N, C-alpha and C. Protein backbone atom coordinates (compact mmCIF):
# COMPACT_ATOMS: atom_id res chain seq x y z
N MET A 1 -22.58 10.60 -29.12
CA MET A 1 -23.65 10.26 -28.22
C MET A 1 -24.21 8.87 -28.55
N ARG A 2 -24.32 8.59 -29.84
CA ARG A 2 -24.87 7.30 -30.26
C ARG A 2 -23.96 6.16 -29.82
N HIS A 3 -22.64 6.37 -29.89
CA HIS A 3 -21.68 5.35 -29.48
C HIS A 3 -21.77 5.09 -27.98
N LEU A 4 -21.99 6.17 -27.23
CA LEU A 4 -22.13 6.03 -25.78
C LEU A 4 -23.36 5.19 -25.44
N ALA A 5 -24.47 5.42 -26.13
CA ALA A 5 -25.69 4.65 -25.90
C ALA A 5 -25.47 3.18 -26.27
N THR A 6 -24.76 2.93 -27.35
CA THR A 6 -24.47 1.55 -27.77
C THR A 6 -23.62 0.84 -26.72
N ILE A 7 -22.62 1.51 -26.21
CA ILE A 7 -21.76 0.92 -25.18
C ILE A 7 -22.56 0.64 -23.91
N LEU A 8 -23.43 1.55 -23.54
CA LEU A 8 -24.25 1.37 -22.35
C LEU A 8 -25.16 0.15 -22.50
N VAL A 9 -25.79 -0.02 -23.64
CA VAL A 9 -26.66 -1.17 -23.88
C VAL A 9 -25.86 -2.47 -23.81
N ILE A 10 -24.68 -2.48 -24.40
CA ILE A 10 -23.83 -3.68 -24.37
C ILE A 10 -23.46 -4.03 -22.93
N LEU A 11 -23.11 -3.03 -22.15
CA LEU A 11 -22.76 -3.28 -20.75
C LEU A 11 -23.94 -3.81 -19.96
N LEU A 12 -25.12 -3.26 -20.18
CA LEU A 12 -26.31 -3.74 -19.48
C LEU A 12 -26.65 -5.18 -19.85
N LEU A 13 -26.45 -5.55 -21.10
CA LEU A 13 -26.71 -6.92 -21.53
C LEU A 13 -25.68 -7.89 -20.98
N ALA A 14 -24.48 -7.41 -20.72
CA ALA A 14 -23.41 -8.26 -20.22
C ALA A 14 -23.55 -8.56 -18.73
N VAL A 15 -24.26 -7.72 -17.99
CA VAL A 15 -24.44 -7.93 -16.56
C VAL A 15 -25.54 -8.96 -16.35
N PRO A 16 -25.24 -10.06 -15.66
CA PRO A 16 -26.27 -11.08 -15.45
C PRO A 16 -27.39 -10.57 -14.55
N ALA A 17 -28.57 -11.09 -14.77
CA ALA A 17 -29.71 -10.73 -13.94
C ALA A 17 -29.49 -11.28 -12.53
N MET A 18 -29.98 -10.59 -11.55
CA MET A 18 -29.83 -11.03 -10.16
C MET A 18 -30.82 -12.14 -9.88
N SER A 19 -30.30 -13.28 -9.47
CA SER A 19 -31.17 -14.39 -9.12
C SER A 19 -31.64 -14.23 -7.69
N VAL A 20 -32.86 -14.68 -7.45
CA VAL A 20 -33.45 -14.65 -6.13
C VAL A 20 -33.71 -16.09 -5.71
N GLU A 21 -33.24 -16.45 -4.53
CA GLU A 21 -33.49 -17.79 -4.01
C GLU A 21 -34.90 -17.85 -3.42
N LEU A 22 -35.69 -18.81 -3.92
CA LEU A 22 -37.06 -18.98 -3.44
C LEU A 22 -37.15 -20.05 -2.36
N PHE A 23 -36.36 -21.12 -2.53
CA PHE A 23 -36.46 -22.24 -1.58
C PHE A 23 -35.20 -23.09 -1.71
N ARG A 24 -34.79 -23.69 -0.60
CA ARG A 24 -33.61 -24.55 -0.58
C ARG A 24 -33.87 -25.68 0.41
N TYR A 25 -33.46 -26.88 0.03
CA TYR A 25 -33.53 -27.97 0.99
C TYR A 25 -32.40 -28.95 0.78
N ARG A 26 -32.05 -29.63 1.87
CA ARG A 26 -30.98 -30.63 1.85
C ARG A 26 -31.60 -32.00 2.01
N TYR A 27 -30.96 -32.96 1.36
CA TYR A 27 -31.47 -34.34 1.45
C TYR A 27 -30.32 -35.31 1.22
N ASN A 28 -30.55 -36.57 1.62
CA ASN A 28 -29.59 -37.64 1.39
C ASN A 28 -30.01 -38.40 0.14
N GLY A 29 -29.07 -38.58 -0.78
CA GLY A 29 -29.34 -39.30 -2.02
C GLY A 29 -29.28 -40.80 -1.82
N ALA A 30 -29.72 -41.53 -2.82
CA ALA A 30 -29.71 -42.99 -2.78
C ALA A 30 -28.28 -43.52 -2.68
N ASP A 31 -27.31 -42.72 -3.14
CA ASP A 31 -25.91 -43.14 -3.08
C ASP A 31 -25.26 -42.83 -1.74
N GLY A 32 -26.04 -42.30 -0.79
CA GLY A 32 -25.51 -41.98 0.53
C GLY A 32 -24.93 -40.58 0.63
N GLY A 33 -24.81 -39.88 -0.49
CA GLY A 33 -24.28 -38.52 -0.48
C GLY A 33 -25.31 -37.51 -0.03
N GLN A 34 -24.82 -36.36 0.43
CA GLN A 34 -25.71 -35.28 0.82
C GLN A 34 -25.83 -34.29 -0.33
N TYR A 35 -27.05 -33.88 -0.60
CA TYR A 35 -27.33 -32.98 -1.71
C TYR A 35 -28.12 -31.78 -1.22
N GLU A 36 -28.08 -30.74 -2.03
CA GLU A 36 -28.85 -29.54 -1.75
C GLU A 36 -29.52 -29.11 -3.05
N ALA A 37 -30.81 -28.89 -2.98
CA ALA A 37 -31.58 -28.41 -4.13
C ALA A 37 -31.94 -26.95 -3.88
N VAL A 38 -31.59 -26.10 -4.83
CA VAL A 38 -31.84 -24.66 -4.69
C VAL A 38 -32.75 -24.22 -5.84
N PHE A 39 -33.88 -23.66 -5.47
CA PHE A 39 -34.83 -23.13 -6.45
C PHE A 39 -34.62 -21.63 -6.53
N GLU A 40 -34.14 -21.15 -7.69
CA GLU A 40 -33.86 -19.73 -7.89
C GLU A 40 -34.54 -19.25 -9.16
N THR A 41 -34.79 -17.95 -9.20
CA THR A 41 -35.33 -17.34 -10.41
C THR A 41 -34.72 -15.96 -10.58
N ASP A 42 -34.65 -15.54 -11.83
CA ASP A 42 -34.22 -14.17 -12.09
C ASP A 42 -35.43 -13.28 -12.41
N GLU A 43 -36.61 -13.86 -12.33
CA GLU A 43 -37.85 -13.09 -12.53
C GLU A 43 -38.10 -12.23 -11.30
N GLN A 44 -38.42 -11.00 -11.51
CA GLN A 44 -38.70 -10.11 -10.39
C GLN A 44 -40.20 -9.84 -10.22
N SER A 45 -40.93 -9.94 -11.31
CA SER A 45 -42.36 -9.66 -11.25
C SER A 45 -43.06 -10.48 -12.33
N VAL A 46 -43.92 -11.37 -11.90
CA VAL A 46 -44.67 -12.21 -12.83
C VAL A 46 -46.14 -12.08 -12.48
N GLY A 47 -46.97 -11.79 -13.47
CA GLY A 47 -48.39 -11.67 -13.23
C GLY A 47 -49.02 -13.02 -12.91
N LYS A 48 -50.04 -13.00 -12.09
CA LYS A 48 -50.73 -14.24 -11.73
C LYS A 48 -51.68 -14.62 -12.87
N THR A 49 -51.43 -15.79 -13.44
CA THR A 49 -52.28 -16.22 -14.54
C THR A 49 -52.86 -17.62 -14.33
N VAL A 50 -52.41 -18.34 -13.30
CA VAL A 50 -52.99 -19.66 -13.02
C VAL A 50 -53.63 -19.65 -11.64
N ASP A 51 -54.76 -20.33 -11.55
CA ASP A 51 -55.42 -20.43 -10.26
C ASP A 51 -54.85 -21.62 -9.47
N LYS A 52 -55.36 -21.81 -8.27
CA LYS A 52 -54.83 -22.84 -7.37
C LYS A 52 -54.93 -24.23 -7.99
N GLN A 53 -56.05 -24.56 -8.61
CA GLN A 53 -56.24 -25.89 -9.19
C GLN A 53 -55.29 -26.13 -10.36
N LYS A 54 -55.10 -25.14 -11.20
CA LYS A 54 -54.16 -25.29 -12.33
C LYS A 54 -52.73 -25.42 -11.82
N ALA A 55 -52.40 -24.69 -10.76
CA ALA A 55 -51.07 -24.82 -10.16
C ALA A 55 -50.84 -26.25 -9.66
N VAL A 56 -51.86 -26.85 -9.07
CA VAL A 56 -51.77 -28.25 -8.60
C VAL A 56 -51.50 -29.18 -9.78
N GLU A 57 -52.25 -29.02 -10.87
CA GLU A 57 -52.07 -29.86 -12.05
C GLU A 57 -50.65 -29.75 -12.61
N ILE A 58 -50.15 -28.52 -12.71
CA ILE A 58 -48.80 -28.30 -13.24
C ILE A 58 -47.77 -28.93 -12.32
N ALA A 59 -47.90 -28.72 -11.02
CA ALA A 59 -46.94 -29.25 -10.04
C ALA A 59 -46.90 -30.77 -10.08
N MET A 60 -48.04 -31.41 -10.14
CA MET A 60 -48.08 -32.87 -10.12
C MET A 60 -47.52 -33.46 -11.43
N ALA A 61 -47.82 -32.84 -12.54
CA ALA A 61 -47.28 -33.31 -13.83
C ALA A 61 -45.77 -33.13 -13.87
N TRP A 62 -45.29 -32.00 -13.38
CA TRP A 62 -43.85 -31.76 -13.38
C TRP A 62 -43.13 -32.72 -12.42
N MET A 63 -43.73 -32.98 -11.27
CA MET A 63 -43.13 -33.90 -10.32
C MET A 63 -42.90 -35.26 -10.95
N GLN A 64 -43.90 -35.73 -11.67
CA GLN A 64 -43.79 -37.04 -12.32
C GLN A 64 -42.71 -37.02 -13.40
N ALA A 65 -42.64 -35.96 -14.18
CA ALA A 65 -41.65 -35.88 -15.26
C ALA A 65 -40.24 -35.67 -14.71
N PHE A 66 -40.06 -34.78 -13.76
CA PHE A 66 -38.73 -34.43 -13.27
C PHE A 66 -38.16 -35.48 -12.32
N TYR A 67 -38.97 -35.88 -11.34
CA TYR A 67 -38.49 -36.82 -10.34
C TYR A 67 -38.66 -38.28 -10.76
N GLY A 68 -39.46 -38.52 -11.80
CA GLY A 68 -39.69 -39.88 -12.25
C GLY A 68 -40.53 -40.70 -11.28
N GLU A 69 -41.37 -40.03 -10.54
CA GLU A 69 -42.21 -40.69 -9.54
C GLU A 69 -43.68 -40.53 -9.93
N GLN A 70 -44.47 -41.52 -9.55
CA GLN A 70 -45.90 -41.38 -9.72
C GLN A 70 -46.40 -40.29 -8.79
N VAL A 71 -47.46 -39.66 -9.16
CA VAL A 71 -48.00 -38.57 -8.38
C VAL A 71 -48.29 -39.03 -6.97
N GLY A 72 -47.86 -38.25 -6.02
CA GLY A 72 -48.05 -38.58 -4.61
C GLY A 72 -49.15 -37.75 -3.99
N THR A 73 -48.98 -37.50 -2.72
CA THR A 73 -49.95 -36.72 -1.95
C THR A 73 -49.39 -35.32 -1.73
N ILE A 74 -50.22 -34.33 -1.95
CA ILE A 74 -49.81 -32.96 -1.66
C ILE A 74 -49.95 -32.75 -0.16
N GLU A 75 -48.83 -32.58 0.51
CA GLU A 75 -48.83 -32.36 1.95
C GLU A 75 -49.09 -30.90 2.28
N SER A 76 -48.57 -30.01 1.43
CA SER A 76 -48.83 -28.59 1.63
C SER A 76 -48.69 -27.86 0.30
N GLN A 77 -49.44 -26.77 0.21
CA GLN A 77 -49.41 -25.89 -0.97
C GLN A 77 -49.58 -24.48 -0.44
N GLU A 78 -48.59 -23.65 -0.71
CA GLU A 78 -48.60 -22.31 -0.16
C GLU A 78 -48.21 -21.30 -1.22
N LEU A 79 -48.97 -20.22 -1.31
CA LEU A 79 -48.61 -19.12 -2.20
C LEU A 79 -47.84 -18.12 -1.37
N LYS A 80 -46.54 -18.06 -1.59
CA LYS A 80 -45.68 -17.16 -0.82
C LYS A 80 -45.54 -15.84 -1.58
N THR A 81 -45.32 -14.78 -0.86
CA THR A 81 -45.21 -13.47 -1.49
C THR A 81 -43.79 -12.93 -1.52
N LYS A 82 -42.88 -13.51 -0.74
CA LYS A 82 -41.51 -13.02 -0.68
C LYS A 82 -40.53 -14.13 -0.92
N PRO A 83 -39.40 -13.90 -1.54
CA PRO A 83 -38.92 -12.61 -2.03
C PRO A 83 -39.63 -12.15 -3.29
N VAL A 84 -40.17 -13.09 -4.08
CA VAL A 84 -41.09 -12.78 -5.18
C VAL A 84 -42.22 -13.79 -5.06
N PRO A 85 -43.41 -13.48 -5.54
CA PRO A 85 -44.51 -14.44 -5.41
C PRO A 85 -44.20 -15.78 -6.09
N HIS A 86 -44.55 -16.87 -5.40
CA HIS A 86 -44.36 -18.22 -5.94
C HIS A 86 -45.18 -19.21 -5.14
N TRP A 87 -45.55 -20.31 -5.81
CA TRP A 87 -46.21 -21.43 -5.15
C TRP A 87 -45.13 -22.39 -4.67
N LEU A 88 -45.28 -22.90 -3.45
CA LEU A 88 -44.39 -23.92 -2.92
C LEU A 88 -45.23 -25.13 -2.56
N PHE A 89 -44.93 -26.24 -3.22
CA PHE A 89 -45.63 -27.50 -2.97
C PHE A 89 -44.68 -28.48 -2.27
N ARG A 90 -45.20 -29.18 -1.27
CA ARG A 90 -44.47 -30.29 -0.66
C ARG A 90 -45.33 -31.53 -0.90
N LEU A 91 -44.73 -32.50 -1.59
CA LEU A 91 -45.44 -33.73 -1.94
C LEU A 91 -44.71 -34.92 -1.36
N THR A 92 -45.46 -35.96 -1.02
CA THR A 92 -44.84 -37.19 -0.53
C THR A 92 -45.29 -38.36 -1.39
N VAL A 93 -44.41 -39.35 -1.44
CA VAL A 93 -44.69 -40.59 -2.16
C VAL A 93 -44.32 -41.73 -1.22
N ASP A 94 -45.19 -42.71 -1.07
CA ASP A 94 -44.91 -43.90 -0.27
C ASP A 94 -44.68 -45.06 -1.21
N ASP A 95 -43.40 -45.41 -1.44
CA ASP A 95 -43.12 -46.50 -2.39
C ASP A 95 -41.71 -47.02 -2.23
N PRO A 96 -41.38 -47.89 -1.39
CA PRO A 96 -42.04 -48.37 -0.17
C PRO A 96 -41.75 -47.48 1.03
N VAL A 97 -40.78 -46.56 0.88
CA VAL A 97 -40.43 -45.64 1.96
C VAL A 97 -40.96 -44.25 1.60
N GLU A 98 -41.47 -43.55 2.59
CA GLU A 98 -41.98 -42.21 2.31
C GLU A 98 -40.84 -41.27 1.93
N ARG A 99 -41.02 -40.59 0.80
CA ARG A 99 -40.05 -39.60 0.33
C ARG A 99 -40.78 -38.28 0.12
N THR A 100 -40.06 -37.20 0.36
CA THR A 100 -40.63 -35.87 0.21
C THR A 100 -40.01 -35.19 -1.00
N TYR A 101 -40.85 -34.52 -1.79
CA TYR A 101 -40.41 -33.78 -2.97
C TYR A 101 -40.98 -32.38 -2.90
N PHE A 102 -40.30 -31.46 -3.57
CA PHE A 102 -40.76 -30.08 -3.60
C PHE A 102 -40.89 -29.62 -5.04
N VAL A 103 -41.89 -28.77 -5.27
CA VAL A 103 -42.10 -28.15 -6.57
C VAL A 103 -42.34 -26.67 -6.31
N VAL A 104 -41.68 -25.83 -7.10
CA VAL A 104 -41.86 -24.38 -6.99
C VAL A 104 -42.35 -23.87 -8.34
N LEU A 105 -43.44 -23.11 -8.29
CA LEU A 105 -44.03 -22.51 -9.50
C LEU A 105 -44.13 -21.01 -9.33
N LEU A 106 -43.89 -20.28 -10.41
CA LEU A 106 -44.18 -18.85 -10.41
C LEU A 106 -45.69 -18.69 -10.62
N PRO A 107 -46.25 -17.54 -10.28
CA PRO A 107 -47.70 -17.35 -10.39
C PRO A 107 -48.28 -17.57 -11.79
N ASP A 108 -47.44 -17.45 -12.83
CA ASP A 108 -47.94 -17.66 -14.18
C ASP A 108 -47.88 -19.14 -14.59
N GLY A 109 -47.48 -20.02 -13.66
CA GLY A 109 -47.43 -21.46 -13.94
C GLY A 109 -46.07 -21.95 -14.39
N THR A 110 -45.08 -21.08 -14.50
CA THR A 110 -43.73 -21.48 -14.89
C THR A 110 -43.08 -22.26 -13.75
N VAL A 111 -42.55 -23.43 -14.06
CA VAL A 111 -41.87 -24.25 -13.06
C VAL A 111 -40.45 -23.73 -12.86
N VAL A 112 -40.04 -23.63 -11.61
CA VAL A 112 -38.67 -23.24 -11.28
C VAL A 112 -37.91 -24.53 -11.01
N GLU A 113 -37.02 -24.90 -11.94
CA GLU A 113 -36.26 -26.14 -11.77
C GLU A 113 -35.14 -25.92 -10.77
N PRO A 114 -34.94 -26.89 -9.89
CA PRO A 114 -33.88 -26.72 -8.88
C PRO A 114 -32.50 -26.94 -9.48
N ARG A 115 -31.55 -26.26 -8.88
CA ARG A 115 -30.14 -26.50 -9.16
C ARG A 115 -29.69 -27.41 -8.03
N VAL A 116 -29.25 -28.62 -8.38
CA VAL A 116 -28.88 -29.62 -7.38
C VAL A 116 -27.36 -29.72 -7.32
N VAL A 117 -26.83 -29.62 -6.11
CA VAL A 117 -25.39 -29.73 -5.91
C VAL A 117 -25.12 -30.75 -4.81
N ARG A 118 -24.04 -31.50 -4.99
CA ARG A 118 -23.62 -32.45 -3.96
C ARG A 118 -22.80 -31.70 -2.93
N ARG A 119 -23.14 -31.91 -1.68
CA ARG A 119 -22.41 -31.27 -0.58
C ARG A 119 -21.23 -32.13 -0.19
N LEU A 120 -20.14 -31.49 0.16
CA LEU A 120 -18.94 -32.22 0.57
C LEU A 120 -18.90 -32.41 2.06
């Protein structure tokens, strides 16, 4: 019986967690290529621990660090409930051309980094 339990635990650890897509967008890169950014998480339930203002601070700091851009204007901020709760920020920067960036946060303030792929 003990061996069966050990095998079951090993099998459960070997199965990857199911990722949930929170947001996806396509854009043209500076090199002229088409890209797609996919924000996914394997978290299924995260308690809310940051308020709206703290979420703004985290999103703007991450935008500057990840995208290498100075903080822009928050065009929209929405707390979505499906498929799992998350904050979705749309930010713009005018320098010299307006560019749009997205930041996704889980309710506890964890940033969901996008997986970026070049489209063929």
